[in-house]
């Protein structure tokens, strides 16, 4: 393996530690190398906290080595003042002579200005090492800035015979198709994404909390479709414990800090309207766990990036048929469940 690729790979590994905690910032890892040895490394832990480059520099015990070292970073160092000072300035302040960057930052606030500033301050800058892998690491961040919408993940569970729910239920609670291990994995996924979206019928039928109670991590923003106001204050999504955006056609609704109403027309443009609303609130990724109608709408509009489909080890014999999603997929086994992973490359 080429030496630059070796250390950018390490940056990617470090950056993944921040998945789910850095929003609205990207995932970034950084290592500092002197005499073919890593003398400092770090990653961005949380928005508002020190960036990866800052943590890597602080980790170097002998700061005199910095002026003879190379700093590697998976994403272009920032060049603007936000909640923290520009990383470019810190790199230049320590006179680090060589900077190796995985990929350019798509954010208009940076977008090449970090590289320009480093060059102006005399650094030798190399860009584009494992560029594809570094962009994949930040697929949520790149989609948000390049396509002006969140990275959209579809998720559902279906029976062996292709149903996602029975036609009738005795209680207003979920009928579990996937096993307990798969359900815990879903909570892990929720902790990694910024929002989770469901339709009205899912709330009325299951009264879900849409949290990460089976995993340790941040609860995603809850996004709920409620065209005519059928969801009441007795439903869990209106408990105000987690920030919730309710998309509706109703007028003149009051909202609190944790319960926000957004108006949209429920027509053939609804999925695009939802994307615009989420973009407005800076949501970079969303898991859609709605019922068939909600999921199929995003599929039919080709407005999705990934689909994660559990096939449980049960037969329902009849019920609500699963959404139809064509194309190739990868398969993984989760105990007795099969997990199909689809990726939309359009």
C-alpha atoms as a PDB file:
ATOM      1  CA  UNK A   1       0.000   0.000   0.000  1.00  0.00           C
ATOM      2  CA  UNK A   2       1.249   3.492  -0.838  1.00  0.00           C
ATOM      3  CA  UNK A   3       2.311   5.477   2.208  1.00  0.00           C
ATOM      4  CA  UNK A   4      -0.234   8.297   1.752  1.00  0.00           C
ATOM      5  CA  UNK A   5      -3.071   5.787   1.365  1.00  0.00           C
ATOM      6  CA  UNK A   6      -1.986   4.001   4.522  1.00  0.00           C
ATOM      7  CA  UNK A   7      -2.380   7.116   6.648  1.00  0.00           C
ATOM      8  CA  UNK A   8      -5.560   8.395   4.980  1.00  0.00           C
ATOM      9  CA  UNK A   9      -7.043   4.948   5.659  1.00  0.00           C
ATOM     10  CA  UNK A  10      -6.220   5.492   9.301  1.00  0.00           C
ATOM     11  CA  UNK A  11      -7.931   8.904   9.126  1.00  0.00           C
ATOM     12  CA  UNK A  12     -11.071   7.216   7.798  1.00  0.00           C
ATOM     13  CA  UNK A  13     -11.002   4.644  10.605  1.00  0.00           C
ATOM     14  CA  UNK A  14     -10.720   7.392  13.211  1.00  0.00           C
ATOM     15  CA  UNK A  15     -13.445   9.525  11.631  1.00  0.00           C
ATOM     16  CA  UNK A  16     -16.016   6.724  11.897  1.00  0.00           C
ATOM     17  CA  UNK A  17     -15.901   7.089  15.688  1.00  0.00           C
ATOM     18  CA  UNK A  18     -17.949  10.260  15.299  1.00  0.00           C
ATOM     19  CA  UNK A  19     -20.857   8.737  13.367  1.00  0.00           C
ATOM     20  CA  UNK A  20     -24.095  10.088  14.804  1.00  0.00           C
ATOM     21  CA  UNK A  21     -22.539  12.733  17.058  1.00  0.00           C
ATOM     22  CA  UNK A  22     -20.989  15.325  14.708  1.00  0.00           C
ATOM     23  CA  UNK A  23     -24.089  16.673  12.918  1.00  0.00           C
ATOM     24  CA  UNK A  24     -24.205  19.164  11.263  1.00  0.00           C
ATOM     25  CA  UNK A  25     -20.453  18.758  10.847  1.00  0.00           C
ATOM     26  CA  UNK A  26     -18.807  16.032   8.747  1.00  0.00           C
ATOM     27  CA  UNK A  27     -16.890  12.987   9.931  1.00  0.00           C
ATOM     28  CA  UNK A  28     -13.183  13.785   9.936  1.00  0.00           C
ATOM     29  CA  UNK A  29     -10.067  11.960  11.086  1.00  0.00           C
ATOM     30  CA  UNK A  30      -6.481  13.191  11.194  1.00  0.00           C
ATOM     31  CA  UNK A  31      -3.027  11.748  11.877  1.00  0.00           C
ATOM     32  CA  UNK A  32       0.363  13.409  12.188  1.00  0.00           C
ATOM     33  CA  UNK A  33       3.411  11.496  10.991  1.00  0.00           C
ATOM     34  CA  UNK A  34       7.080  12.092  11.759  1.00  0.00           C
ATOM     35  CA  UNK A  35       9.837   9.792  10.582  1.00  0.00           C
ATOM     36  CA  UNK A  36       7.274   7.218   9.347  1.00  0.00           C
ATOM     37  CA  UNK A  37       5.620   7.031  12.753  1.00  0.00           C
ATOM     38  CA  UNK A  38       2.276   8.394  13.940  1.00  0.00           C
ATOM     39  CA  UNK A  39       2.975  10.891  16.711  1.00  0.00           C
ATOM     40  CA  UNK A  40      -0.546  12.215  17.063  1.00  0.00           C
ATOM     41  CA  UNK A  41      -4.041  11.380  15.899  1.00  0.00           C
ATOM     42  CA  UNK A  42      -7.606  12.485  16.496  1.00  0.00           C
ATOM     43  CA  UNK A  43     -11.117  12.762  15.136  1.00  0.00           C
ATOM     44  CA  UNK A  44     -14.025  15.163  15.372  1.00  0.00           C
ATOM     45  CA  UNK A  45     -16.168  14.000  18.276  1.00  0.00           C
ATOM     46  CA  UNK A  46     -19.045  16.483  18.423  1.00  0.00           C
ATOM     47  CA  UNK A  47     -20.256  19.673  16.780  1.00  0.00           C
ATOM     48  CA  UNK A  48     -18.943  22.681  18.682  1.00  0.00           C
ATOM     49  CA  UNK A  49     -15.934  20.720  19.921  1.00  0.00           C
ATOM     50  CA  UNK A  50     -12.380  20.632  18.571  1.00  0.00           C
ATOM     51  CA  UNK A  51     -11.952  19.401  15.009  1.00  0.00           C
ATOM     52  CA  UNK A  52      -9.893  16.346  14.072  1.00  0.00           C
ATOM     53  CA  UNK A  53      -6.767  18.340  13.210  1.00  0.00           C
ATOM     54  CA  UNK A  54      -6.897  20.153  16.549  1.00  0.00           C
ATOM     55  CA  UNK A  55      -7.176  16.892  18.480  1.00  0.00           C
ATOM     56  CA  UNK A  56      -4.331  15.354  16.474  1.00  0.00           C
ATOM     57  CA  UNK A  57      -2.033  18.342  17.107  1.00  0.00           C
ATOM     58  CA  UNK A  58      -2.903  18.375  20.819  1.00  0.00           C
ATOM     59  CA  UNK A  59      -2.035  14.656  20.989  1.00  0.00           C
ATOM     60  CA  UNK A  60       1.566  15.307  19.911  1.00  0.00           C
ATOM     61  CA  UNK A  61       3.697  15.355  23.048  1.00  0.00           C
ATOM     62  CA  UNK A  62       6.768  16.980  21.522  1.00  0.00           C
ATOM     63  CA  UNK A  63       5.408  19.988  19.631  1.00  0.00           C
ATOM     64  CA  UNK A  64       8.868  20.730  18.183  1.00  0.00           C
ATOM     65  CA  UNK A  65       8.374  17.758  15.837  1.00  0.00           C
ATOM     66  CA  UNK A  66       5.383  19.387  14.153  1.00  0.00           C
ATOM     67  CA  UNK A  67       7.566  21.639  12.004  1.00  0.00           C
ATOM     68  CA  UNK A  68       9.139  18.497  10.512  1.00  0.00           C
ATOM     69  CA  UNK A  69       5.976  16.391  10.161  1.00  0.00           C
ATOM     70  CA  UNK A  70       3.151  15.616   7.749  1.00  0.00           C
ATOM     71  CA  UNK A  71      -0.473  16.032   8.777  1.00  0.00           C
ATOM     72  CA  UNK A  72      -3.036  13.794   7.096  1.00  0.00           C
ATOM     73  CA  UNK A  73      -6.739  14.645   7.134  1.00  0.00           C
ATOM     74  CA  UNK A  74      -9.653  12.883   5.443  1.00  0.00           C
ATOM     75  CA  UNK A  75     -11.433  16.155   4.552  1.00  0.00           C
ATOM     76  CA  UNK A  76     -10.095  19.586   3.635  1.00  0.00           C
ATOM     77  CA  UNK A  77      -9.276  21.622   6.772  1.00  0.00           C
ATOM     78  CA  UNK A  78     -11.749  24.419   7.464  1.00  0.00           C
ATOM     79  CA  UNK A  79     -10.800  28.005   6.698  1.00  0.00           C
ATOM     80  CA  UNK A  80     -13.589  29.938   8.421  1.00  0.00           C
ATOM     81  CA  UNK A  81     -14.603  30.884  11.934  1.00  0.00           C
ATOM     82  CA  UNK A  82     -17.584  28.914  13.212  1.00  0.00           C
ATOM     83  CA  UNK A  83     -17.940  27.565  16.721  1.00  0.00           C
ATOM     84  CA  UNK A  84     -14.194  26.926  16.529  1.00  0.00           C
ATOM     85  CA  UNK A  85     -11.311  28.794  14.818  1.00  0.00           C
ATOM     86  CA  UNK A  86     -10.045  27.724  11.353  1.00  0.00           C
ATOM     87  CA  UNK A  87      -7.952  24.559  11.375  1.00  0.00           C
ATOM     88  CA  UNK A  88      -5.827  26.015   8.562  1.00  0.00           C
ATOM     89  CA  UNK A  89      -4.587  28.700  10.912  1.00  0.00           C
ATOM     90  CA  UNK A  90      -3.594  26.184  13.577  1.00  0.00           C
ATOM     91  CA  UNK A  91      -1.695  24.069  11.029  1.00  0.00           C
ATOM     92  CA  UNK A  92       0.150  27.153   9.787  1.00  0.00           C
ATOM     93  CA  UNK A  93       0.771  28.392  13.334  1.00  0.00           C
ATOM     94  CA  UNK A  94       2.642  25.151  14.106  1.00  0.00           C
ATOM     95  CA  UNK A  95       4.477  25.391  10.763  1.00  0.00           C
ATOM     96  CA  UNK A  96       3.517  21.873   9.692  1.00  0.00           C
ATOM     97  CA  UNK A  97       5.176  21.760   6.254  1.00  0.00           C
ATOM     98  CA  UNK A  98       3.199  19.003   4.516  1.00  0.00           C
ATOM     99  CA  UNK A  99      -0.578  18.514   4.402  1.00  0.00           C
ATOM    100  CA  UNK A 100      -2.195  15.472   2.739  1.00  0.00           C
ATOM    101  CA  UNK A 101      -5.952  15.688   2.179  1.00  0.00           C
ATOM    102  CA  UNK A 102      -8.423  12.966   1.232  1.00  0.00           C
ATOM    103  CA  UNK A 103     -11.033  15.119  -0.508  1.00  0.00           C
ATOM    104  CA  UNK A 104     -12.197  18.705  -0.934  1.00  0.00           C
ATOM    105  CA  UNK A 105     -14.985  19.938   1.378  1.00  0.00           C
ATOM    106  CA  UNK A 106     -18.258  20.510  -0.590  1.00  0.00           C
ATOM    107  CA  UNK A 107     -19.499  23.081   1.927  1.00  0.00           C
ATOM    108  CA  UNK A 108     -19.555  26.530   0.284  1.00  0.00           C
ATOM    109  CA  UNK A 109     -17.929  27.958   3.406  1.00  0.00           C
ATOM    110  CA  UNK A 110     -14.811  25.928   2.620  1.00  0.00           C
ATOM    111  CA  UNK A 111     -14.830  24.378  -0.897  1.00  0.00           C
ATOM    112  CA  UNK A 112     -11.146  24.844  -1.723  1.00  0.00           C
ATOM    113  CA  UNK A 113     -10.450  27.936   0.370  1.00  0.00           C
ATOM    114  CA  UNK A 114      -8.796  25.809   3.042  1.00  0.00           C
ATOM    115  CA  UNK A 115      -6.366  24.384   0.505  1.00  0.00           C
ATOM    116  CA  UNK A 116      -5.724  27.846  -0.928  1.00  0.00           C
ATOM    117  CA  UNK A 117      -4.973  29.270   2.505  1.00  0.00           C
ATOM    118  CA  UNK A 118      -2.539  26.461   3.326  1.00  0.00           C
ATOM    119  CA  UNK A 119      -0.693  27.002   0.032  1.00  0.00           C
ATOM    120  CA  UNK A 120      -0.512  30.756   0.650  1.00  0.00           C
ATOM    121  CA  UNK A 121       1.055  30.042   4.031  1.00  0.00           C
ATOM    122  CA  UNK A 122       3.772  27.919   2.425  1.00  0.00           C
ATOM    123  CA  UNK A 123       2.536  24.369   3.029  1.00  0.00           C
ATOM    124  CA  UNK A 124       3.113  21.582   0.534  1.00  0.00           C
ATOM    125  CA  UNK A 125      -0.427  20.322  -0.062  1.00  0.00           C
ATOM    126  CA  UNK A 126      -1.450  17.004  -1.651  1.00  0.00           C
ATOM    127  CA  UNK A 127      -5.154  16.461  -2.428  1.00  0.00           C
ATOM    128  CA  UNK A 128      -7.212  13.483  -3.613  1.00  0.00           C
ATOM    129  CA  UNK A 129      -5.789  10.510  -1.715  1.00  0.00           C
ATOM    130  CA  UNK A 130      -8.472   7.790  -1.468  1.00  0.00           C
ATOM    131  CA  UNK A 131     -10.871  10.490  -2.608  1.00  0.00           C
ATOM    132  CA  UNK A 132     -13.725   8.077  -3.349  1.00  0.00           C
ATOM    133  CA  UNK A 133     -13.429   6.405   0.049  1.00  0.00           C
ATOM    134  CA  UNK A 134     -13.319   9.759   1.846  1.00  0.00           C
ATOM    135  CA  UNK A 135     -16.431  10.936  -0.014  1.00  0.00           C
ATOM    136  CA  UNK A 136     -18.194   7.670   0.871  1.00  0.00           C
ATOM    137  CA  UNK A 137     -17.311   8.241   4.523  1.00  0.00           C
ATOM    138  CA  UNK A 138     -19.216  11.532   4.353  1.00  0.00           C
ATOM    139  CA  UNK A 139     -21.989  10.464   1.977  1.00  0.00           C
ATOM    140  CA  UNK A 140     -24.549  12.180   4.212  1.00  0.00           C
ATOM    141  CA  UNK A 141     -22.612  15.472   4.321  1.00  0.00           C
ATOM    142  CA  UNK A 142     -21.866  15.388   0.571  1.00  0.00           C
ATOM    143  CA  UNK A 143     -25.489  14.598  -0.371  1.00  0.00           C
ATOM    144  CA  UNK A 144     -26.755  17.439   1.817  1.00  0.00           C
ATOM    145  CA  UNK A 145     -24.397  20.029   0.320  1.00  0.00           C
ATOM    146  CA  UNK A 146     -24.348  18.810  -3.284  1.00  0.00           C
ATOM    147  CA  UNK A 147     -27.992  17.759  -3.728  1.00  0.00           C
ATOM    148  CA  UNK A 148     -29.573  20.071  -1.138  1.00  0.00           C
ATOM    149  CA  UNK A 149     -31.422  17.196   0.526  1.00  0.00           C
ATOM    150  CA  UNK A 150     -30.744  14.603   3.212  1.00  0.00           C
ATOM    151  CA  UNK A 151     -29.226  11.191   2.566  1.00  0.00           C
ATOM    152  CA  UNK A 152     -32.323   8.971   2.492  1.00  0.00           C
ATOM    153  CA  UNK A 153     -32.336   5.438   3.909  1.00  0.00           C
ATOM    154  CA  UNK A 154     -35.424   3.245   3.519  1.00  0.00           C
ATOM    155  CA  UNK A 155     -35.992   0.520   6.092  1.00  0.00           C
ATOM    156  CA  UNK A 156     -38.638  -2.123   6.588  1.00  0.00           C
ATOM    157  CA  UNK A 157     -39.127  -5.753   7.639  1.00  0.00           C
ATOM    158  CA  UNK A 158     -41.126  -8.267   5.648  1.00  0.00           C
ATOM    159  CA  UNK A 159     -42.179 -11.862   6.158  1.00  0.00           C
ATOM    160  CA  UNK A 160     -40.970 -14.812   4.131  1.00  0.00           C
ATOM    161  CA  UNK A 161     -44.127 -14.522   2.047  1.00  0.00           C
ATOM    162  CA  UNK A 162     -43.718 -10.779   1.374  1.00  0.00           C
ATOM    163  CA  UNK A 163     -45.952  -9.006   3.926  1.00  0.00           C
ATOM    164  CA  UNK A 164     -44.987  -6.145   6.240  1.00  0.00           C
ATOM    165  CA  UNK A 165     -48.023  -6.337   8.546  1.00  0.00           C
ATOM    166  CA  UNK A 166     -51.188  -8.353   9.110  1.00  0.00           C
ATOM    167  CA  UNK A 167     -54.477  -6.954   7.825  1.00  0.00           C
ATOM    168  CA  UNK A 168     -55.881  -6.621  11.339  1.00  0.00           C
ATOM    169  CA  UNK A 169     -54.361  -6.353  14.820  1.00  0.00           C
ATOM    170  CA  UNK A 170     -55.864  -6.828  18.263  1.00  0.00           C
ATOM    171  CA  UNK A 171     -53.676  -4.155  19.900  1.00  0.00           C
ATOM    172  CA  UNK A 172     -52.195  -0.808  18.814  1.00  0.00           C
ATOM    173  CA  UNK A 173     -48.617  -2.051  18.938  1.00  0.00           C
ATOM    174  CA  UNK A 174     -46.094  -3.455  16.456  1.00  0.00           C
ATOM    175  CA  UNK A 175     -46.267  -7.010  15.164  1.00  0.00           C
ATOM    176  CA  UNK A 176     -42.622  -8.058  15.154  1.00  0.00           C
ATOM    177  CA  UNK A 177     -41.395  -9.683  11.964  1.00  0.00           C
ATOM    178  CA  UNK A 178     -37.658  -9.345  12.607  1.00  0.00           C
ATOM    179  CA  UNK A 179     -35.896 -10.843  15.630  1.00  0.00           C
ATOM    180  CA  UNK A 180     -34.611  -9.076  18.742  1.00  0.00           C
ATOM    181  CA  UNK A 181     -31.064  -8.811  17.342  1.00  0.00           C
ATOM    182  CA  UNK A 182     -32.295  -7.106  14.185  1.00  0.00           C
ATOM    183  CA  UNK A 183     -34.405  -4.708  16.227  1.00  0.00           C
ATOM    184  CA  UNK A 184     -31.390  -3.723  18.299  1.00  0.00           C
ATOM    185  CA  UNK A 185     -29.446  -3.135  15.069  1.00  0.00           C
ATOM    186  CA  UNK A 186     -32.235  -0.796  13.931  1.00  0.00           C
ATOM    187  CA  UNK A 187     -31.782   1.249  17.115  1.00  0.00           C
ATOM    188  CA  UNK A 188     -28.063   1.440  16.409  1.00  0.00           C
ATOM    189  CA  UNK A 189     -28.898   2.721  12.906  1.00  0.00           C
ATOM    190  CA  UNK A 190     -31.213   5.327  14.407  1.00  0.00           C
ATOM    191  CA  UNK A 191     -28.362   6.617  16.578  1.00  0.00           C
ATOM    192  CA  UNK A 192     -26.234   7.099  13.450  1.00  0.00           C
ATOM    193  CA  UNK A 193     -28.731   9.188  11.475  1.00  0.00           C
ATOM    194  CA  UNK A 194     -30.022  12.672  12.125  1.00  0.00           C
ATOM    195  CA  UNK A 195     -33.742  12.015  11.643  1.00  0.00           C
ATOM    196  CA  UNK A 196     -36.349   9.269  11.391  1.00  0.00           C
ATOM    197  CA  UNK A 197     -39.579   9.627   9.382  1.00  0.00           C
ATOM    198  CA  UNK A 198     -42.885   7.758   9.550  1.00  0.00           C
ATOM    199  CA  UNK A 199     -46.383   8.263   8.172  1.00  0.00           C
ATOM    200  CA  UNK A 200     -49.680   8.786   9.980  1.00  0.00           C
ATOM    201  CA  UNK A 201     -50.800   5.148   9.873  1.00  0.00           C
ATOM    202  CA  UNK A 202     -47.605   3.946  11.547  1.00  0.00           C
ATOM    203  CA  UNK A 203     -48.307   6.278  14.481  1.00  0.00           C
ATOM    204  CA  UNK A 204     -51.983   5.315  14.700  1.00  0.00           C
ATOM    205  CA  UNK A 205     -51.320   1.579  14.387  1.00  0.00           C
ATOM    206  CA  UNK A 206     -48.160   1.180  16.481  1.00  0.00           C
ATOM    207  CA  UNK A 207     -47.777   4.360  18.603  1.00  0.00           C
ATOM    208  CA  UNK A 208     -43.952   4.113  18.373  1.00  0.00           C
ATOM    209  CA  UNK A 209     -41.482   6.206  20.389  1.00  0.00           C
ATOM    210  CA  UNK A 210     -38.953   6.343  17.530  1.00  0.00           C
ATOM    211  CA  UNK A 211     -36.017   6.537  19.933  1.00  0.00           C
ATOM    212  CA  UNK A 212     -32.817   4.555  20.576  1.00  0.00           C
ATOM    213  CA  UNK A 213     -33.829   2.894  23.850  1.00  0.00           C
ATOM    214  CA  UNK A 214     -32.122  -0.386  22.842  1.00  0.00           C
ATOM    215  CA  UNK A 215     -28.814   1.341  22.057  1.00  0.00           C
ATOM    216  CA  UNK A 216     -26.561   4.049  23.471  1.00  0.00           C
ATOM    217  CA  UNK A 217     -26.532   7.212  21.404  1.00  0.00           C
ATOM    218  CA  UNK A 218     -28.375  10.324  20.296  1.00  0.00           C
ATOM    219  CA  UNK A 219     -32.092  10.115  19.541  1.00  0.00           C
ATOM    220  CA  UNK A 220     -32.846  11.187  15.966  1.00  0.00           C
ATOM    221  CA  UNK A 221     -35.203  14.049  15.178  1.00  0.00           C
ATOM    222  CA  UNK A 222     -38.686  12.578  14.711  1.00  0.00           C
ATOM    223  CA  UNK A 223     -40.411  13.536  11.463  1.00  0.00           C
ATOM    224  CA  UNK A 224     -44.092  12.636  11.214  1.00  0.00           C
ATOM    225  CA  UNK A 225     -46.560  12.985   8.349  1.00  0.00           C
ATOM    226  CA  UNK A 226     -50.005  14.014   9.636  1.00  0.00           C
ATOM    227  CA  UNK A 227     -52.052  15.488   6.796  1.00  0.00           C
ATOM    228  CA  UNK A 228     -55.349  16.104   8.629  1.00  0.00           C
ATOM    229  CA  UNK A 229     -54.304  16.109  12.297  1.00  0.00           C
ATOM    230  CA  UNK A 230     -55.241  12.577  13.299  1.00  0.00           C
ATOM    231  CA  UNK A 231     -52.309  12.260  15.702  1.00  0.00           C
ATOM    232  CA  UNK A 232     -53.247  13.371  19.220  1.00  0.00           C
ATOM    233  CA  UNK A 233     -51.266  14.580  22.222  1.00  0.00           C
ATOM    234  CA  UNK A 234     -51.660  11.077  23.694  1.00  0.00           C
ATOM    235  CA  UNK A 235     -49.358   9.580  21.051  1.00  0.00           C
ATOM    236  CA  UNK A 236     -45.705   9.104  21.992  1.00  0.00           C
ATOM    237  CA  UNK A 237     -44.388  11.304  19.172  1.00  0.00           C
ATOM    238  CA  UNK A 238     -46.025  14.318  20.843  1.00  0.00           C
ATOM    239  CA  UNK A 239     -44.446  13.753  24.265  1.00  0.00           C
ATOM    240  CA  UNK A 240     -41.999  16.639  23.559  1.00  0.00           C
ATOM    241  CA  UNK A 241     -39.086  14.568  24.876  1.00  0.00           C
ATOM    242  CA  UNK A 242     -37.409  14.528  21.448  1.00  0.00           C
ATOM    243  CA  UNK A 243     -37.447  17.230  18.785  1.00  0.00           C
ATOM    244  CA  UNK A 244     -40.322  16.384  16.430  1.00  0.00           C
ATOM    245  CA  UNK A 245     -41.259  17.941  13.081  1.00  0.00           C
ATOM    246  CA  UNK A 246     -44.879  17.300  12.097  1.00  0.00           C
ATOM    247  CA  UNK A 247     -45.624  17.831   8.396  1.00  0.00           C
ATOM    248  CA  UNK A 248     -49.276  18.654   7.803  1.00  0.00           C
ATOM    249  CA  UNK A 249     -51.811  20.496   5.657  1.00  0.00           C
ATOM    250  CA  UNK A 250     -53.444  22.065   8.706  1.00  0.00           C
ATOM    251  CA  UNK A 251     -53.337  25.822   9.319  1.00  0.00           C
ATOM    252  CA  UNK A 252     -52.452  28.001  12.308  1.00  0.00           C
ATOM    253  CA  UNK A 253     -50.933  25.353  14.553  1.00  0.00           C
ATOM    254  CA  UNK A 254     -48.944  26.388  17.600  1.00  0.00           C
ATOM    255  CA  UNK A 255     -45.640  24.720  18.287  1.00  0.00           C
ATOM    256  CA  UNK A 256     -43.083  24.445  21.050  1.00  0.00           C
ATOM    257  CA  UNK A 257     -39.328  24.085  20.977  1.00  0.00           C
ATOM    258  CA  UNK A 258     -39.598  20.299  20.615  1.00  0.00           C
ATOM    259  CA  UNK A 259     -42.790  20.059  18.554  1.00  0.00           C
ATOM    260  CA  UNK A 260     -42.666  21.956  15.274  1.00  0.00           C
ATOM    261  CA  UNK A 261     -45.330  22.048  12.572  1.00  0.00           C
ATOM    262  CA  UNK A 262     -44.441  22.492   8.908  1.00  0.00           C
ATOM    263  CA  UNK A 263     -47.089  22.906   6.228  1.00  0.00           C
ATOM    264  CA  UNK A 264     -46.890  20.952   2.964  1.00  0.00           C
ATOM    265  CA  UNK A 265     -49.310  20.005   0.211  1.00  0.00           C
ATOM    266  CA  UNK A 266     -49.855  16.250   0.153  1.00  0.00           C
ATOM    267  CA  UNK A 267     -49.722  15.873  -3.618  1.00  0.00           C
ATOM    268  CA  UNK A 268     -47.407  14.183  -6.130  1.00  0.00           C
ATOM    269  CA  UNK A 269     -44.619  16.551  -5.016  1.00  0.00           C
ATOM    270  CA  UNK A 270     -44.825  15.483  -1.371  1.00  0.00           C
ATOM    271  CA  UNK A 271     -41.519  13.592  -1.216  1.00  0.00           C
ATOM    272  CA  UNK A 272     -39.711  16.610  -2.671  1.00  0.00           C
ATOM    273  CA  UNK A 273     -41.512  18.900  -0.230  1.00  0.00           C
ATOM    274  CA  UNK A 274     -40.380  16.692   2.639  1.00  0.00           C
ATOM    275  CA  UNK A 275     -36.797  16.864   1.370  1.00  0.00           C
ATOM    276  CA  UNK A 276     -36.968  20.663   1.186  1.00  0.00           C
ATOM    277  CA  UNK A 277     -38.333  20.891   4.726  1.00  0.00           C
ATOM    278  CA  UNK A 278     -35.604  18.627   6.099  1.00  0.00           C
ATOM    279  CA  UNK A 279     -32.975  20.606   4.185  1.00  0.00           C
ATOM    280  CA  UNK A 280     -34.358  23.781   5.787  1.00  0.00           C
ATOM    281  CA  UNK A 281     -33.703  22.301   9.236  1.00  0.00           C
ATOM    282  CA  UNK A 282     -30.191  21.163   8.273  1.00  0.00           C
ATOM    283  CA  UNK A 283     -31.067  17.457   8.376  1.00  0.00           C
ATOM    284  CA  UNK A 284     -28.297  15.566   6.576  1.00  0.00           C
ATOM    285  CA  UNK A 285     -29.716  12.051   6.868  1.00  0.00           C
ATOM    286  CA  UNK A 286     -33.072  10.418   7.491  1.00  0.00           C
ATOM    287  CA  UNK A 287     -34.244   6.839   8.007  1.00  0.00           C
ATOM    288  CA  UNK A 288     -37.720   6.296   6.598  1.00  0.00           C
ATOM    289  CA  UNK A 289     -39.448   3.628   8.668  1.00  0.00           C
ATOM    290  CA  UNK A 290     -42.962   4.403   7.512  1.00  0.00           C
ATOM    291  CA  UNK A 291     -45.605   2.050   6.158  1.00  0.00           C
ATOM    292  CA  UNK A 292     -45.917   0.854   2.603  1.00  0.00           C
ATOM    293  CA  UNK A 293     -47.470   4.031   1.218  1.00  0.00           C
ATOM    294  CA  UNK A 294     -44.743   6.290   2.594  1.00  0.00           C
ATOM    295  CA  UNK A 295     -41.912   3.986   1.545  1.00  0.00           C
ATOM    296  CA  UNK A 296     -43.349   3.319  -1.909  1.00  0.00           C
ATOM    297  CA  UNK A 297     -43.723   7.057  -2.551  1.00  0.00           C
ATOM    298  CA  UNK A 298     -39.991   7.606  -2.110  1.00  0.00           C
ATOM    299  CA  UNK A 299     -39.212   4.532  -4.228  1.00  0.00           C
ATOM    300  CA  UNK A 300     -41.545   5.619  -7.041  1.00  0.00           C
ATOM    301  CA  UNK A 301     -40.025   9.122  -7.035  1.00  0.00           C
ATOM    302  CA  UNK A 302     -36.514   7.602  -7.058  1.00  0.00           C
ATOM    303  CA  UNK A 303     -35.730   9.711  -4.015  1.00  0.00           C
ATOM    304  CA  UNK A 304     -33.641   7.366  -1.903  1.00  0.00           C
ATOM    305  CA  UNK A 305     -30.004   6.359  -1.447  1.00  0.00           C
ATOM    306  CA  UNK A 306     -30.086   3.095   0.503  1.00  0.00           C
ATOM    307  CA  UNK A 307     -32.682   0.506   1.431  1.00  0.00           C
ATOM    308  CA  UNK A 308     -32.277  -1.938   4.309  1.00  0.00           C
ATOM    309  CA  UNK A 309     -34.823  -4.734   4.203  1.00  0.00           C
ATOM    310  CA  UNK A 310     -35.117  -7.446   6.853  1.00  0.00           C
ATOM    311  CA  UNK A 311     -36.725 -10.702   5.792  1.00  0.00           C
ATOM    312  CA  UNK A 312     -37.922 -12.376   8.991  1.00  0.00           C
ATOM    313  CA  UNK A 313     -38.203 -16.075   9.601  1.00  0.00           C
ATOM    314  CA  UNK A 314     -42.015 -16.050   9.742  1.00  0.00           C
ATOM    315  CA  UNK A 315     -44.976 -16.425   7.367  1.00  0.00           C
ATOM    316  CA  UNK A 316     -47.999 -14.124   7.736  1.00  0.00           C
ATOM    317  CA  UNK A 317     -49.997 -15.887   4.965  1.00  0.00           C
ATOM    318  CA  UNK A 318     -51.840 -12.637   4.224  1.00  0.00           C
ATOM    319  CA  UNK A 319     -51.589  -8.956   5.079  1.00  0.00           C
ATOM    320  CA  UNK A 320     -50.192  -5.706   3.729  1.00  0.00           C
ATOM    321  CA  UNK A 321     -47.732  -6.453   0.947  1.00  0.00           C
ATOM    322  CA  UNK A 322     -44.191  -5.102   1.176  1.00  0.00           C
ATOM    323  CA  UNK A 323     -43.007  -2.169  -0.968  1.00  0.00           C
ATOM    324  CA  UNK A 324     -41.705  -3.090  -4.413  1.00  0.00           C
ATOM    325  CA  UNK A 325     -38.026  -2.297  -4.927  1.00  0.00           C
ATOM    326  CA  UNK A 326     -36.230  -3.624  -7.987  1.00  0.00           C
ATOM    327  CA  UNK A 327     -32.511  -3.959  -8.523  1.00  0.00           C
ATOM    328  CA  UNK A 328     -29.561  -5.868  -7.169  1.00  0.00           C
ATOM    329  CA  UNK A 329     -28.806  -6.159  -3.476  1.00  0.00           C
ATOM    330  CA  UNK A 330     -26.261  -7.491  -1.029  1.00  0.00           C
ATOM    331  CA  UNK A 331     -27.313 -10.065   1.549  1.00  0.00           C
ATOM    332  CA  UNK A 332     -26.276 -10.444   5.176  1.00  0.00           C
ATOM    333  CA  UNK A 333     -27.556 -12.779   7.865  1.00  0.00           C
ATOM    334  CA  UNK A 334     -28.712 -11.397  11.219  1.00  0.00           C
ATOM    335  CA  UNK A 335     -29.255 -14.568  13.261  1.00  0.00           C
ATOM    336  CA  UNK A 336     -32.454 -16.027  11.747  1.00  0.00           C
ATOM    337  CA  UNK A 337     -33.192 -12.911   9.677  1.00  0.00           C
ATOM    338  CA  UNK A 338     -31.932 -12.073   6.205  1.00  0.00           C
ATOM    339  CA  UNK A 339     -30.859  -8.474   5.588  1.00  0.00           C
ATOM    340  CA  UNK A 340     -30.997  -7.163   2.018  1.00  0.00           C
ATOM    341  CA  UNK A 341     -29.017  -4.002   1.290  1.00  0.00           C
ATOM    342  CA  UNK A 342     -29.872  -1.934  -1.791  1.00  0.00           C
ATOM    343  CA  UNK A 343     -27.899   1.077  -3.049  1.00  0.00           C
ATOM    344  CA  UNK A 344     -29.305   3.618  -5.474  1.00  0.00           C
ATOM    345  CA  UNK A 345     -26.576   4.750  -7.874  1.00  0.00           C
ATOM    346  CA  UNK A 346     -28.787   6.918 -10.080  1.00  0.00           C
END
